[in-house]
Amino acid sequence: MKTRTYLITVLLAFVCTFLFAVATASAQKKVPDTVTLKMEKTTLPPVMFSHITHTQKTKINCTVCHHKDSDPKEAQACKVCHQGPEAKDVFHKKCQTCHKESTAKGVKAPTQCTECHKK
């Protein structure tokens, strides 16, 4: 009888641990499909940044943009590090450089202001 109780206890502990692991894994932060990059004091509309286009279609590694995050699954929003007027310069430098390099390689990428800043 004691052996049976022990086995049931061990089995229950295993099941609980498994369920906890599954719940924790599914509760991880989901990457949004699209992020709105809105700058303060600008006349242009915000940029709708597509994670799907940049990570799945063009296969850009998350750390290219999230350069300070060691774990891409726990990446912070851009505005955590880049705020105020300097954010505009940081985004323009990063995005425009990459888009121009892609275009030079024959890969279609927006290079004009209104191609990203759409009304």
PDB file of N, CA and C in Angstrom:
ATOM      1  N   MET A   1       0.818  -1.199   0.000  1.00  0.00           N
ATOM      2  CA  MET A   1       0.000   0.000   0.000  1.00  0.00           C
ATOM      3  C   MET A   1       0.861   1.262   0.000  1.00  0.00           C
ATOM      4  N   LYS A   2       1.964   1.220   0.809  1.00  0.00           N
ATOM      5  CA  LYS A   2       2.850   2.382   0.866  1.00  0.00           C
ATOM      6  C   LYS A   2       3.523   2.614  -0.478  1.00  0.00           C
ATOM      7  N   THR A   3       3.883   1.553  -1.169  1.00  0.00           N
ATOM      8  CA  THR A   3       4.525   1.661  -2.479  1.00  0.00           C
ATOM      9  C   THR A   3       3.571   2.302  -3.478  1.00  0.00           C
ATOM     10  N   ARG A   4       2.314   1.893  -3.416  1.00  0.00           N
ATOM     11  CA  ARG A   4       1.316   2.452  -4.342  1.00  0.00           C
ATOM     12  C   ARG A   4       1.108   3.947  -4.075  1.00  0.00           C
ATOM     13  N   THR A   5       1.015   4.338  -2.817  1.00  0.00           N
ATOM     14  CA  THR A   5       0.855   5.750  -2.446  1.00  0.00           C
ATOM     15  C   THR A   5       2.068   6.549  -2.909  1.00  0.00           C
ATOM     16  N   TYR A   6       3.243   5.972  -2.725  1.00  0.00           N
ATOM     17  CA  TYR A   6       4.480   6.627  -3.160  1.00  0.00           C
ATOM     18  C   TYR A   6       4.491   6.824  -4.674  1.00  0.00           C
ATOM     19  N   LEU A   7       4.132   5.808  -5.422  1.00  0.00           N
ATOM     20  CA  LEU A   7       4.107   5.908  -6.885  1.00  0.00           C
ATOM     21  C   LEU A   7       3.093   6.953  -7.359  1.00  0.00           C
ATOM     22  N   ILE A   8       1.934   6.990  -6.738  1.00  0.00           N
ATOM     23  CA  ILE A   8       0.916   7.987  -7.100  1.00  0.00           C
ATOM     24  C   ILE A   8       1.423   9.389  -6.805  1.00  0.00           C
ATOM     25  N   THR A   9       2.100   9.553  -5.682  1.00  0.00           N
ATOM     26  CA  THR A   9       2.658  10.865  -5.308  1.00  0.00           C
ATOM     27  C   THR A   9       3.714  11.303  -6.321  1.00  0.00           C
ATOM     28  N   VAL A  10       4.591  10.400  -6.688  1.00  0.00           N
ATOM     29  CA  VAL A  10       5.636  10.714  -7.671  1.00  0.00           C
ATOM     30  C   VAL A  10       5.005  11.050  -9.021  1.00  0.00           C
ATOM     31  N   LEU A  11       4.032  10.271  -9.438  1.00  0.00           N
ATOM     32  CA  LEU A  11       3.348  10.513 -10.704  1.00  0.00           C
ATOM     33  C   LEU A  11       2.648  11.865 -10.696  1.00  0.00           C
ATOM     34  N   LEU A  12       1.982  12.194  -9.599  1.00  0.00           N
ATOM     35  CA  LEU A  12       1.295  13.482  -9.470  1.00  0.00           C
ATOM     36  C   LEU A  12       2.298  14.637  -9.533  1.00  0.00           C
ATOM     37  N   ALA A  13       3.437  14.485  -8.872  1.00  0.00           N
ATOM     38  CA  ALA A  13       4.471  15.515  -8.900  1.00  0.00           C
ATOM     39  C   ALA A  13       4.989  15.714 -10.316  1.00  0.00           C
ATOM     40  N   PHE A  14       5.185  14.612 -11.034  1.00  0.00           N
ATOM     41  CA  PHE A  14       5.655  14.695 -12.412  1.00  0.00           C
ATOM     42  C   PHE A  14       4.639  15.421 -13.289  1.00  0.00           C
ATOM     43  N   VAL A  15       3.380  15.074 -13.168  1.00  0.00           N
ATOM     44  CA  VAL A  15       2.319  15.705 -13.965  1.00  0.00           C
ATOM     45  C   VAL A  15       2.235  17.193 -13.655  1.00  0.00           C
ATOM     46  N   CYS A  16       2.297  17.552 -12.377  1.00  0.00           N
ATOM     47  CA  CYS A  16       2.240  18.975 -11.997  1.00  0.00           C
ATOM     48  C   CYS A  16       3.432  19.749 -12.557  1.00  0.00           C
ATOM     49  N   THR A  17       4.615  19.151 -12.486  1.00  0.00           N
ATOM     50  CA  THR A  17       5.814  19.800 -13.033  1.00  0.00           C
ATOM     51  C   THR A  17       5.688  19.980 -14.536  1.00  0.00           C
ATOM     52  N   PHE A  18       5.191  18.978 -15.213  1.00  0.00           N
ATOM     53  CA  PHE A  18       4.998  19.063 -16.669  1.00  0.00           C
ATOM     54  C   PHE A  18       4.000  20.164 -17.019  1.00  0.00           C
ATOM     55  N   LEU A  19       2.880  20.209 -16.317  1.00  0.00           N
ATOM     56  CA  LEU A  19       1.862  21.235 -16.588  1.00  0.00           C
ATOM     57  C   LEU A  19       2.403  22.638 -16.304  1.00  0.00           C
ATOM     58  N   PHE A  20       3.189  22.778 -15.251  1.00  0.00           N
ATOM     59  CA  PHE A  20       3.796  24.078 -14.935  1.00  0.00           C
ATOM     60  C   PHE A  20       4.755  24.507 -16.050  1.00  0.00           C
ATOM     61  N   ALA A  21       5.556  23.581 -16.557  1.00  0.00           N
ATOM     62  CA  ALA A  21       6.504  23.889 -17.638  1.00  0.00           C
ATOM     63  C   ALA A  21       5.770  24.316 -18.902  1.00  0.00           C
ATOM     64  N   VAL A  22       4.697  23.626 -19.237  1.00  0.00           N
ATOM     65  CA  VAL A  22       3.912  23.973 -20.429  1.00  0.00           C
ATOM     66  C   VAL A  22       3.281  25.349 -20.258  1.00  0.00           C
ATOM     67  N   ALA A  23       2.722  25.623 -19.094  1.00  0.00           N
ATOM     68  CA  ALA A  23       2.087  26.924 -18.838  1.00  0.00           C
ATOM     69  C   ALA A  23       3.106  28.052 -18.900  1.00  0.00           C
ATOM     70  N   THR A  24       4.287  27.835 -18.361  1.00  0.00           N
ATOM     71  CA  THR A  24       5.341  28.856 -18.390  1.00  0.00           C
ATOM     72  C   THR A  24       5.802  29.123 -19.818  1.00  0.00           C
ATOM     73  N   ALA A  25       5.984  28.082 -20.595  1.00  0.00           N
ATOM     74  CA  ALA A  25       6.428  28.243 -21.986  1.00  0.00           C
ATOM     75  C   ALA A  25       5.396  28.991 -22.813  1.00  0.00           C
ATOM     76  N   SER A  26       4.136  28.720 -22.593  1.00  0.00           N
ATOM     77  CA  SER A  26       3.104  29.387 -23.389  1.00  0.00           C
ATOM     78  C   SER A  26       2.848  30.811 -22.922  1.00  0.00           C
ATOM     79  N   ALA A  27       3.312  31.152 -21.722  1.00  0.00           N
ATOM     80  CA  ALA A  27       3.096  32.497 -21.194  1.00  0.00           C
ATOM     81  C   ALA A  27       4.205  33.465 -21.599  1.00  0.00           C
ATOM     82  N   GLN A  28       5.213  33.002 -22.348  1.00  0.00           N
ATOM     83  CA  GLN A  28       6.291  33.883 -22.770  1.00  0.00           C
ATOM     84  C   GLN A  28       5.740  35.000 -23.638  1.00  0.00           C
ATOM     85  N   LYS A  29       6.467  36.097 -23.648  1.00  0.00           N
ATOM     86  CA  LYS A  29       6.057  37.270 -24.394  1.00  0.00           C
ATOM     87  C   LYS A  29       5.921  36.958 -25.875  1.00  0.00           C
ATOM     88  N   LYS A  30       4.753  37.296 -26.443  1.00  0.00           N
ATOM     89  CA  LYS A  30       4.529  37.093 -27.875  1.00  0.00           C
ATOM     90  C   LYS A  30       4.994  38.342 -28.619  1.00  0.00           C
ATOM     91  N   VAL A  31       5.756  38.140 -29.646  1.00  0.00           N
ATOM     92  CA  VAL A  31       6.237  39.253 -30.461  1.00  0.00           C
ATOM     93  C   VAL A  31       5.063  39.771 -31.281  1.00  0.00           C
ATOM     94  N   PRO A  32       4.795  41.078 -31.207  1.00  0.00           N
ATOM     95  CA  PRO A  32       3.691  41.613 -32.012  1.00  0.00           C
ATOM     96  C   PRO A  32       4.023  41.540 -33.504  1.00  0.00           C
ATOM     97  N   ASP A  33       3.003  41.298 -34.326  1.00  0.00           N
ATOM     98  CA  ASP A  33       3.211  41.248 -35.775  1.00  0.00           C
ATOM     99  C   ASP A  33       3.663  42.599 -36.309  1.00  0.00           C
ATOM    100  N   THR A  34       3.058  43.657 -35.790  1.00  0.00           N
ATOM    101  CA  THR A  34       3.373  45.018 -36.229  1.00  0.00           C
ATOM    102  C   THR A  34       3.567  45.922 -35.022  1.00  0.00           C
ATOM    103  N   VAL A  35       4.554  46.808 -35.120  1.00  0.00           N
ATOM    104  CA  VAL A  35       4.830  47.781 -34.067  1.00  0.00           C
ATOM    105  C   VAL A  35       4.736  49.169 -34.687  1.00  0.00           C
ATOM    106  N   THR A  36       4.071  50.081 -33.998  1.00  0.00           N
ATOM    107  CA  THR A  36       3.969  51.460 -34.468  1.00  0.00           C
ATOM    108  C   THR A  36       5.124  52.263 -33.893  1.00  0.00           C
ATOM    109  N   LEU A  37       5.961  52.797 -34.778  1.00  0.00           N
ATOM    110  CA  LEU A  37       7.073  53.650 -34.360  1.00  0.00           C
ATOM    111  C   LEU A  37       6.648  55.098 -34.561  1.00  0.00           C
ATOM    112  N   LYS A  38       6.288  55.738 -33.466  1.00  0.00           N
ATOM    113  CA  LYS A  38       5.774  57.107 -33.518  1.00  0.00           C
ATOM    114  C   LYS A  38       6.774  58.037 -32.846  1.00  0.00           C
ATOM    115  N   MET A  39       7.188  59.048 -33.580  1.00  0.00           N
ATOM    116  CA  MET A  39       8.132  60.029 -33.064  1.00  0.00           C
ATOM    117  C   MET A  39       7.392  61.262 -32.561  1.00  0.00           C
ATOM    118  N   GLU A  40       7.962  61.885 -31.559  1.00  0.00           N
ATOM    119  CA  GLU A  40       7.395  63.128 -31.055  1.00  0.00           C
ATOM    120  C   GLU A  40       7.796  64.284 -31.969  1.00  0.00           C
ATOM    121  N   LYS A  41       6.926  65.256 -32.061  1.00  0.00           N
ATOM    122  CA  LYS A  41       7.202  66.500 -32.802  1.00  0.00           C
ATOM    123  C   LYS A  41       7.679  66.238 -34.229  1.00  0.00           C
ATOM    124  N   THR A  42       6.923  65.462 -34.961  1.00  0.00           N
ATOM    125  CA  THR A  42       7.260  65.201 -36.362  1.00  0.00           C
ATOM    126  C   THR A  42       6.036  65.449 -37.223  1.00  0.00           C
ATOM    127  N   THR A  43       6.269  65.804 -38.458  1.00  0.00           N
ATOM    128  CA  THR A  43       5.148  66.064 -39.368  1.00  0.00           C
ATOM    129  C   THR A  43       4.761  64.816 -40.159  1.00  0.00           C
ATOM    130  N   LEU A  44       5.633  63.825 -40.164  1.00  0.00           N
ATOM    131  CA  LEU A  44       5.350  62.603 -40.917  1.00  0.00           C
ATOM    132  C   LEU A  44       4.543  61.616 -40.062  1.00  0.00           C
ATOM    133  N   PRO A  45       3.714  60.798 -40.720  1.00  0.00           N
ATOM    134  CA  PRO A  45       2.960  59.783 -39.970  1.00  0.00           C
ATOM    135  C   PRO A  45       3.886  58.726 -39.376  1.00  0.00           C
ATOM    136  N   PRO A  46       3.406  57.997 -38.354  1.00  0.00           N
ATOM    137  CA  PRO A  46       4.243  56.949 -37.757  1.00  0.00           C
ATOM    138  C   PRO A  46       4.540  55.824 -38.743  1.00  0.00           C
ATOM    139  N   VAL A  47       5.590  55.084 -38.451  1.00  0.00           N
ATOM    140  CA  VAL A  47       5.985  53.935 -39.275  1.00  0.00           C
ATOM    141  C   VAL A  47       5.354  52.679 -38.674  1.00  0.00           C
ATOM    142  N   MET A  48       4.725  51.899 -39.523  1.00  0.00           N
ATOM    143  CA  MET A  48       4.177  50.609 -39.097  1.00  0.00           C
ATOM    144  C   MET A  48       5.241  49.557 -39.406  1.00  0.00           C
ATOM    145  N   PHE A  49       5.999  49.165 -38.387  1.00  0.00           N
ATOM    146  CA  PHE A  49       7.104  48.231 -38.552  1.00  0.00           C
ATOM    147  C   PHE A  49       6.570  46.811 -38.471  1.00  0.00           C
ATOM    148  N   SER A  50       6.811  46.029 -39.500  1.00  0.00           N
ATOM    149  CA  SER A  50       6.327  44.651 -39.561  1.00  0.00           C
ATOM    150  C   SER A  50       7.422  43.672 -39.133  1.00  0.00           C
ATOM    151  N   HIS A  51       7.213  43.021 -37.985  1.00  0.00           N
ATOM    152  CA  HIS A  51       8.150  41.983 -37.557  1.00  0.00           C
ATOM    153  C   HIS A  51       8.150  40.818 -38.548  1.00  0.00           C
ATOM    154  N   ILE A  52       6.989  40.492 -39.080  1.00  0.00           N
ATOM    155  CA  ILE A  52       6.883  39.368 -40.014  1.00  0.00           C
ATOM    156  C   ILE A  52       7.754  39.607 -41.244  1.00  0.00           C
ATOM    157  N   THR A  53       7.650  40.804 -41.829  1.00  0.00           N
ATOM    158  CA  THR A  53       8.449  41.123 -43.010  1.00  0.00           C
ATOM    159  C   THR A  53       9.936  41.056 -42.694  1.00  0.00           C
ATOM    160  N   HIS A  54      10.331  41.628 -41.578  1.00  0.00           N
ATOM    161  CA  HIS A  54      11.751  41.722 -41.268  1.00  0.00           C
ATOM    162  C   HIS A  54      12.366  40.424 -40.747  1.00  0.00           C
ATOM    163  N   THR A  55      11.614  39.610 -40.031  1.00  0.00           N
ATOM    164  CA  THR A  55      12.212  38.398 -39.454  1.00  0.00           C
ATOM    165  C   THR A  55      11.911  37.140 -40.240  1.00  0.00           C
ATOM    166  N   GLN A  56      10.696  37.002 -40.734  1.00  0.00           N
ATOM    167  CA  GLN A  56      10.336  35.762 -41.433  1.00  0.00           C
ATOM    168  C   GLN A  56      10.608  35.827 -42.927  1.00  0.00           C
ATOM    169  N   LYS A  57      10.254  36.939 -43.553  1.00  0.00           N
ATOM    170  CA  LYS A  57      10.425  37.031 -45.009  1.00  0.00           C
ATOM    171  C   LYS A  57      11.855  37.355 -45.406  1.00  0.00           C
ATOM    172  N   THR A  58      12.482  38.310 -44.707  1.00  0.00           N
ATOM    173  CA  THR A  58      13.847  38.696 -45.082  1.00  0.00           C
ATOM    174  C   THR A  58      14.907  38.045 -44.204  1.00  0.00           C
ATOM    175  N   LYS A  59      14.469  37.300 -43.195  1.00  0.00           N
ATOM    176  CA  LYS A  59      15.366  36.513 -42.328  1.00  0.00           C
ATOM    177  C   LYS A  59      16.405  37.353 -41.595  1.00  0.00           C
ATOM    178  N   ILE A  60      16.026  38.561 -41.174  1.00  0.00           N
ATOM    179  CA  ILE A  60      16.934  39.401 -40.395  1.00  0.00           C
ATOM    180  C   ILE A  60      16.913  38.909 -38.959  1.00  0.00           C
ATOM    181  N   ASN A  61      18.068  38.738 -38.363  1.00  0.00           N
ATOM    182  CA  ASN A  61      18.180  38.287 -36.985  1.00  0.00           C
ATOM    183  C   ASN A  61      17.668  39.381 -36.039  1.00  0.00           C
ATOM    184  N   CYS A  62      16.959  38.990 -34.996  1.00  0.00           N
ATOM    185  CA  CYS A  62      16.383  39.941 -34.032  1.00  0.00           C
ATOM    186  C   CYS A  62      17.437  40.888 -33.451  1.00  0.00           C
ATOM    187  N   THR A  63      18.642  40.388 -33.241  1.00  0.00           N
ATOM    188  CA  THR A  63      19.678  41.200 -32.607  1.00  0.00           C
ATOM    189  C   THR A  63      20.208  42.317 -33.501  1.00  0.00           C
ATOM    190  N   VAL A  64      19.848  42.318 -34.766  1.00  0.00           N
ATOM    191  CA  VAL A  64      20.248  43.425 -35.636  1.00  0.00           C
ATOM    192  C   VAL A  64      19.606  44.719 -35.129  1.00  0.00           C
ATOM    193  N   CYS A  65      18.347  44.644 -34.763  1.00  0.00           N
ATOM    194  CA  CYS A  65      17.655  45.821 -34.218  1.00  0.00           C
ATOM    195  C   CYS A  65      17.711  45.852 -32.691  1.00  0.00           C
ATOM    196  N   HIS A  66      17.483  44.700 -32.091  1.00  0.00           N
ATOM    197  CA  HIS A  66      17.513  44.605 -30.627  1.00  0.00           C
ATOM    198  C   HIS A  66      18.932  44.286 -30.187  1.00  0.00           C
ATOM    199  N   HIS A  67      19.836  45.220 -30.469  1.00  0.00           N
ATOM    200  CA  HIS A  67      21.274  45.000 -30.307  1.00  0.00           C
ATOM    201  C   HIS A  67      21.725  44.911 -28.857  1.00  0.00           C
ATOM    202  N   LYS A  68      20.917  45.386 -27.913  1.00  0.00           N
ATOM    203  CA  LYS A  68      21.304  45.327 -26.503  1.00  0.00           C
ATOM    204  C   LYS A  68      20.666  44.157 -25.764  1.00  0.00           C
ATOM    205  N   ASP A  69      19.822  43.405 -26.440  1.00  0.00           N
ATOM    206  CA  ASP A  69      19.122  42.289 -25.813  1.00  0.00           C
ATOM    207  C   ASP A  69      19.851  40.987 -26.118  1.00  0.00           C
ATOM    208  N   SER A  70      20.293  40.295 -25.077  1.00  0.00           N
ATOM    209  CA  SER A  70      21.024  39.045 -25.286  1.00  0.00           C
ATOM    210  C   SER A  70      20.091  37.898 -25.660  1.00  0.00           C
ATOM    211  N   ASP A  71      18.838  37.962 -25.211  1.00  0.00           N
ATOM    212  CA  ASP A  71      17.866  36.916 -25.528  1.00  0.00           C
ATOM    213  C   ASP A  71      16.758  37.506 -26.390  1.00  0.00           C
ATOM    214  N   PRO A  72      16.703  37.167 -27.689  1.00  0.00           N
ATOM    215  CA  PRO A  72      15.687  37.739 -28.579  1.00  0.00           C
ATOM    216  C   PRO A  72      14.257  37.461 -28.124  1.00  0.00           C
ATOM    217  N   LYS A  73      14.056  36.395 -27.356  1.00  0.00           N
ATOM    218  CA  LYS A  73      12.710  36.091 -26.876  1.00  0.00           C
ATOM    219  C   LYS A  73      12.274  37.051 -25.772  1.00  0.00           C
ATOM    220  N   GLU A  74      13.216  37.763 -25.205  1.00  0.00           N
ATOM    221  CA  GLU A  74      12.914  38.729 -24.149  1.00  0.00           C
ATOM    222  C   GLU A  74      13.293  40.143 -24.586  1.00  0.00           C
ATOM    223  N   ALA A  75      13.236  40.405 -25.865  1.00  0.00           N
ATOM    224  CA  ALA A  75      13.639  41.711 -26.406  1.00  0.00           C
ATOM    225  C   ALA A  75      12.721  42.821 -25.895  1.00  0.00           C
ATOM    226  N   GLN A  76      13.322  43.955 -25.638  1.00  0.00           N
ATOM    227  CA  GLN A  76      12.587  45.128 -25.174  1.00  0.00           C
ATOM    228  C   GLN A  76      12.130  45.958 -26.361  1.00  0.00           C
ATOM    229  N   ALA A  77      11.115  46.768 -26.146  1.00  0.00           N
ATOM    230  CA  ALA A  77      10.644  47.689 -27.179  1.00  0.00           C
ATOM    231  C   ALA A  77      11.725  48.728 -27.450  1.00  0.00           C
ATOM    232  N   CYS A  78      11.775  49.225 -28.664  1.00  0.00           N
ATOM    233  CA  CYS A  78      12.783  50.217 -29.058  1.00  0.00           C
ATOM    234  C   CYS A  78      12.792  51.421 -28.122  1.00  0.00           C
ATOM    235  N   LYS A  79      11.590  51.876 -27.741  1.00  0.00           N
ATOM    236  CA  LYS A  79      11.475  53.091 -26.934  1.00  0.00           C
ATOM    237  C   LYS A  79      12.032  52.948 -25.523  1.00  0.00           C
ATOM    238  N   VAL A  80      12.338  51.725 -25.099  1.00  0.00           N
ATOM    239  CA  VAL A  80      12.943  51.539 -23.788  1.00  0.00           C
ATOM    240  C   VAL A  80      14.324  52.206 -23.762  1.00  0.00           C
ATOM    241  N   CYS A  81      15.078  52.056 -24.833  1.00  0.00           N
ATOM    242  CA  CYS A  81      16.424  52.650 -24.918  1.00  0.00           C
ATOM    243  C   CYS A  81      16.441  53.957 -25.710  1.00  0.00           C
ATOM    244  N   HIS A  82      15.631  54.029 -26.758  1.00  0.00           N
ATOM    245  CA  HIS A  82      15.679  55.173 -27.673  1.00  0.00           C
ATOM    246  C   HIS A  82      14.438  56.042 -27.471  1.00  0.00           C
ATOM    247  N   GLN A  83      14.671  57.235 -26.909  1.00  0.00           N
ATOM    248  CA  GLN A  83      13.569  58.143 -26.614  1.00  0.00           C
ATOM    249  C   GLN A  83      13.909  59.551 -27.078  1.00  0.00           C
ATOM    250  N   GLY A  84      12.863  60.356 -27.197  1.00  0.00           N
ATOM    251  CA  GLY A  84      13.047  61.762 -27.533  1.00  0.00           C
ATOM    252  C   GLY A  84      13.582  61.980 -28.932  1.00  0.00           C
ATOM    253  N   PRO A  85      14.150  63.162 -29.152  1.00  0.00           N
ATOM    254  CA  PRO A  85      14.625  63.529 -30.501  1.00  0.00           C
ATOM    255  C   PRO A  85      15.718  62.606 -31.047  1.00  0.00           C
ATOM    256  N   GLU A  86      16.561  62.051 -30.181  1.00  0.00           N
ATOM    257  CA  GLU A  86      17.636  61.176 -30.672  1.00  0.00           C
ATOM    258  C   GLU A  86      17.106  59.883 -31.261  1.00  0.00           C
ATOM    259  N   ALA A  87      15.916  59.467 -30.862  1.00  0.00           N
ATOM    260  CA  ALA A  87      15.333  58.226 -31.382  1.00  0.00           C
ATOM    261  C   ALA A  87      15.150  58.294 -32.891  1.00  0.00           C
ATOM    262  N   LYS A  88      14.705  59.444 -33.374  1.00  0.00           N
ATOM    263  CA  LYS A  88      14.498  59.626 -34.816  1.00  0.00           C
ATOM    264  C   LYS A  88      15.803  59.373 -35.576  1.00  0.00           C
ATOM    265  N   ASP A  89      16.889  59.941 -35.076  1.00  0.00           N
ATOM    266  CA  ASP A  89      18.189  59.770 -35.732  1.00  0.00           C
ATOM    267  C   ASP A  89      18.648  58.304 -35.688  1.00  0.00           C
ATOM    268  N   VAL A  90      18.426  57.648 -34.556  1.00  0.00           N
ATOM    269  CA  VAL A  90      18.823  56.247 -34.411  1.00  0.00           C
ATOM    270  C   VAL A  90      18.043  55.369 -35.385  1.00  0.00           C
ATOM    271  N   PHE A  91      16.723  55.550 -35.430  1.00  0.00           N
ATOM    272  CA  PHE A  91      15.895  54.749 -36.335  1.00  0.00           C
ATOM    273  C   PHE A  91      16.264  55.013 -37.793  1.00  0.00           C
ATOM    274  N   HIS A  92      16.410  56.281 -38.142  1.00  0.00           N
ATOM    275  CA  HIS A  92      16.747  56.600 -39.522  1.00  0.00           C
ATOM    276  C   HIS A  92      18.085  55.980 -39.922  1.00  0.00           C
ATOM    277  N   LYS A  93      19.084  56.105 -39.054  1.00  0.00           N
ATOM    278  CA  LYS A  93      20.394  55.549 -39.384  1.00  0.00           C
ATOM    279  C   LYS A  93      20.312  54.030 -39.562  1.00  0.00           C
ATOM    280  N   LYS A  94      19.680  53.352 -38.619  1.00  0.00           N
ATOM    281  CA  LYS A  94      19.596  51.886 -38.662  1.00  0.00           C
ATOM    282  C   LYS A  94      18.763  51.425 -39.854  1.00  0.00           C
ATOM    283  N   CYS A  95      17.563  51.975 -39.993  1.00  0.00           N
ATOM    284  CA  CYS A  95      16.640  51.518 -41.042  1.00  0.00           C
ATOM    285  C   CYS A  95      17.123  51.903 -42.442  1.00  0.00           C
ATOM    286  N   GLN A  96      17.497  53.163 -42.611  1.00  0.00           N
ATOM    287  CA  GLN A  96      17.904  53.612 -43.938  1.00  0.00           C
ATOM    288  C   GLN A  96      19.164  52.895 -44.414  1.00  0.00           C
ATOM    289  N   THR A  97      20.102  52.681 -43.511  1.00  0.00           N
ATOM    290  CA  THR A  97      21.331  51.970 -43.893  1.00  0.00           C
ATOM    291  C   THR A  97      21.000  50.569 -44.390  1.00  0.00           C
ATOM    292  N   CYS A  98      20.189  49.862 -43.645  1.00  0.00           N
ATOM    293  CA  CYS A  98      19.830  48.495 -44.020  1.00  0.00           C
ATOM    294  C   CYS A  98      19.031  48.471 -45.333  1.00  0.00           C
ATOM    295  N   HIS A  99      18.086  49.388 -45.466  1.00  0.00           N
ATOM    296  CA  HIS A  99      17.267  49.436 -46.685  1.00  0.00           C
ATOM    297  C   HIS A  99      18.114  49.765 -47.912  1.00  0.00           C
ATOM    298  N   LYS A 100      19.047  50.690 -47.768  1.00  0.00           N
ATOM    299  CA  LYS A 100      19.912  51.048 -48.894  1.00  0.00           C
ATOM    300  C   LYS A 100      20.842  49.891 -49.264  1.00  0.00           C
ATOM    301  N   GLU A 101      21.353  49.187 -48.257  1.00  0.00           N
ATOM    302  CA  GLU A 101      22.212  48.025 -48.523  1.00  0.00           C
ATOM    303  C   GLU A 101      21.423  46.926 -49.235  1.00  0.00           C
ATOM    304  N   SER A 102      20.196  46.712 -48.803  1.00  0.00           N
ATOM    305  CA  SER A 102      19.344  45.698 -49.441  1.00  0.00           C
ATOM    306  C   SER A 102      19.067  46.051 -50.893  1.00  0.00           C
ATOM    307  N   THR A 103      18.737  47.318 -51.142  1.00  0.00           N
ATOM    308  CA  THR A 103      18.453  47.782 -52.499  1.00  0.00           C
ATOM    309  C   THR A 103      19.678  47.610 -53.396  1.00  0.00           C
ATOM    310  N   ALA A 104      20.846  47.922 -52.845  1.00  0.00           N
ATOM    311  CA  ALA A 104      22.089  47.771 -53.613  1.00  0.00           C
ATOM    312  C   ALA A 104      22.340  46.305 -53.999  1.00  0.00           C
ATOM    313  N   LYS A 105      21.824  45.373 -53.184  1.00  0.00           N
ATOM    314  CA  LYS A 105      21.978  43.941 -53.467  1.00  0.00           C
ATOM    315  C   LYS A 105      20.852  43.411 -54.345  1.00  0.00           C
ATOM    316  N   GLY A 106      19.941  44.315 -54.758  1.00  0.00           N
ATOM    317  CA  GLY A 106      18.850  43.898 -55.625  1.00  0.00           C
ATOM    318  C   GLY A 106      17.611  43.426 -54.884  1.00  0.00           C
ATOM    319  N   VAL A 107      17.591  43.613 -53.561  1.00  0.00           N
ATOM    320  CA  VAL A 107      16.438  43.235 -52.757  1.00  0.00           C
ATOM    321  C   VAL A 107      15.579  44.477 -52.554  1.00  0.00           C
ATOM    322  N   LYS A 108      14.307  44.379 -52.911  1.00  0.00           N
ATOM    323  CA  LYS A 108      13.425  45.528 -52.825  1.00  0.00           C
ATOM    324  C   LYS A 108      13.214  45.931 -51.365  1.00  0.00           C
ATOM    325  N   ALA A 109      13.478  47.201 -51.073  1.00  0.00           N
ATOM    326  CA  ALA A 109      13.273  47.757 -49.733  1.00  0.00           C
ATOM    327  C   ALA A 109      12.921  49.236 -49.883  1.00  0.00           C
ATOM    328  N   PRO A 110      12.073  49.751 -49.014  1.00  0.00           N
ATOM    329  CA  PRO A 110      11.707  51.161 -49.122  1.00  0.00           C
ATOM    330  C   PRO A 110      12.894  52.073 -48.820  1.00  0.00           C
ATOM    331  N   THR A 111      13.078  53.084 -49.659  1.00  0.00           N
ATOM    332  CA  THR A 111      14.168  54.037 -49.447  1.00  0.00           C
ATOM    333  C   THR A 111      13.690  55.487 -49.439  1.00  0.00           C
ATOM    334  N   GLN A 112      12.434  55.698 -49.777  1.00  0.00           N
ATOM    335  CA  GLN A 112      11.861  57.049 -49.761  1.00  0.00           C
ATOM    336  C   GLN A 112      11.040  57.231 -48.487  1.00  0.00           C
ATOM    337  N   CYS A 113      10.995  58.458 -47.956  1.00  0.00           N
ATOM    338  CA  CYS A 113      10.304  58.750 -46.699  1.00  0.00           C
ATOM    339  C   CYS A 113       8.877  58.198 -46.672  1.00  0.00           C
ATOM    340  N   THR A 114       8.123  58.474 -47.725  1.00  0.00           N
ATOM    341  CA  THR A 114       6.706  58.110 -47.734  1.00  0.00           C
ATOM    342  C   THR A 114       6.466  56.614 -47.947  1.00  0.00           C
ATOM    343  N   GLU A 115       7.515  55.862 -48.211  1.00  0.00           N
ATOM    344  CA  GLU A 115       7.352  54.412 -48.333  1.00  0.00           C
ATOM    345  C   GLU A 115       7.252  53.747 -46.949  1.00  0.00           C
ATOM    346  N   CYS A 116       7.803  54.370 -45.951  1.00  0.00           N
ATOM    347  CA  CYS A 116       7.686  53.870 -44.567  1.00  0.00           C
ATOM    348  C   CYS A 116       6.665  54.702 -43.794  1.00  0.00           C
ATOM    349  N   HIS A 117       6.745  56.011 -43.972  1.00  0.00           N
ATOM    350  CA  HIS A 117       5.826  56.936 -43.297  1.00  0.00           C
ATOM    351  C   HIS A 117       4.570  57.097 -44.167  1.00  0.00           C
ATOM    352  N   LYS A 118       3.687  56.098 -44.091  1.00  0.00           N
ATOM    353  CA  LYS A 118       2.483  56.114 -44.934  1.00  0.00           C
ATOM    354  C   LYS A 118       1.321  56.755 -44.197  1.00  0.00           C
ATOM    355  N   LYS A 119       0.542  57.521 -44.968  1.00  0.00           N
ATOM    356  CA  LYS A 119      -0.669  58.150 -44.381  1.00  0.00           C
ATOM    357  C   LYS A 119      -1.812  57.186 -44.347  1.00  0.00           C
TER     358      LYS A 119
END
